[in-house]
Amino acid sequence: MDTAVKRVVWGVLSTARIGIKHMVPALMASPLIEVRAIASRSQVSANAAASALGIERAYGSYEDLFDDPDIEAIYNPLPNSLHVPVTLQAAAAGKHVLCEKPIALSADEARQLQDAATKVCIEEAFMVRHHPQWQRVRELVRGGRIGRLRAVQVFFSYFNDDPGNIRNQLPMGGGALYDIGCYAVLSGRYLFDCEPCRAIALIDRDPALGTDRTTSALLDFGSGLHLTFTVSTQSCPYQRVQVVGSAGRIEVQVPFNAPQGAAVRIAVDDGGALDGSGVTVETLSAADQYRLQAEAFSRRVRGQAAQGWGVDDAVAQMRVIDALWRSESTGRWEFVG
């Protein structure tokens, strides 16, 4: 790693848990990055976070962070409904933005970022694309290890029915599809390396919260490629991805919340026996997917790497989610686009 290049100076929006527990430590561990400021709507909260994390500057408003001329890149983990408007504010101030998923609540909203993305780097923060286990799975698929790819199956769930949690607040963009279903959609797009043409969904909503607590879907990627998934915010914690081909299968055991800095395993099944005796396990070395994501983004800020997954990719992702919402209303297949 070339550490001679000037470090990118980052600022963090809010004291959200994902930032404090995952992203900020990952940023601070990188020789390519300096975390110089954190902002909150409360000066007290910003001061406390800055003190606990060892960050130099604390701001009591997001606008004060954007006005800091030393800050080059912003990490935006705000509630889903604030992703686009606050990212646009940051971009207008000349800041590059790594924005948490989903980048918007619809494809039309995501398109509002396209003009700004011609002036600064804007990317949706799907950290899984940077983890070696996902890169290895795609390498195996492309290399024909499981024959012709047929289907991807995803299950992702946790239990949280707290009405005070933003993940359960409909106006804030809460619910299973936005929060974790986006990972399932991404899994198909990443492994099939194409976009789905149509989708159909079955959605169960919490009668009190109004958010989708369990969403299942079938996506048709054409050429016989199928993605199926179930995501739930009110089921026992569990996650798995099955990648099935004509001559084998790959199981990703902890696909989305891979432990930071710990080894992970993927299982490759040659399909020779139903009892699993044909399974071989690959152990991949420890990695921090949040750090890898932030470093890749920082390299793009410095012009050291080609554009990764920009706003056009985020718009394509949201088109799929839009189709699933339409399917909830119509009860039919909906075309993506």
Foldseek 3Di string as FASTA:
>chain_A
DDLPDAAAEEEEEAPDCCCLPAQVVLQVVDSNHDDAEYEYCAQVRQVVSCVVSVHNYYYNDLVVVLPPPRHAEYEAADQQCCLQVSCVVSLVSNHAYAYEFPSHQFLVSLVVCVVSCVRHFYYYPQLLVLDVVLVVVLVCQVVCVQHDWAEKEKEFEAADPDLVDSLLAVVSPHAFCRPPVLVLLVSQCSNVVAAFFKKAKDFDADPVSRGTAKMWMWTHRPPNYIYIYIYGHRDHGAIKMWTHDPQWIKIFGPRRCPDAFQKGKMWIARPPDPVRPRIDIDIDGHHRSSSSSVVVSSCVRVVNDDRDCGSVNSSSSNQRVVNHVVNNVVVDMGTRD
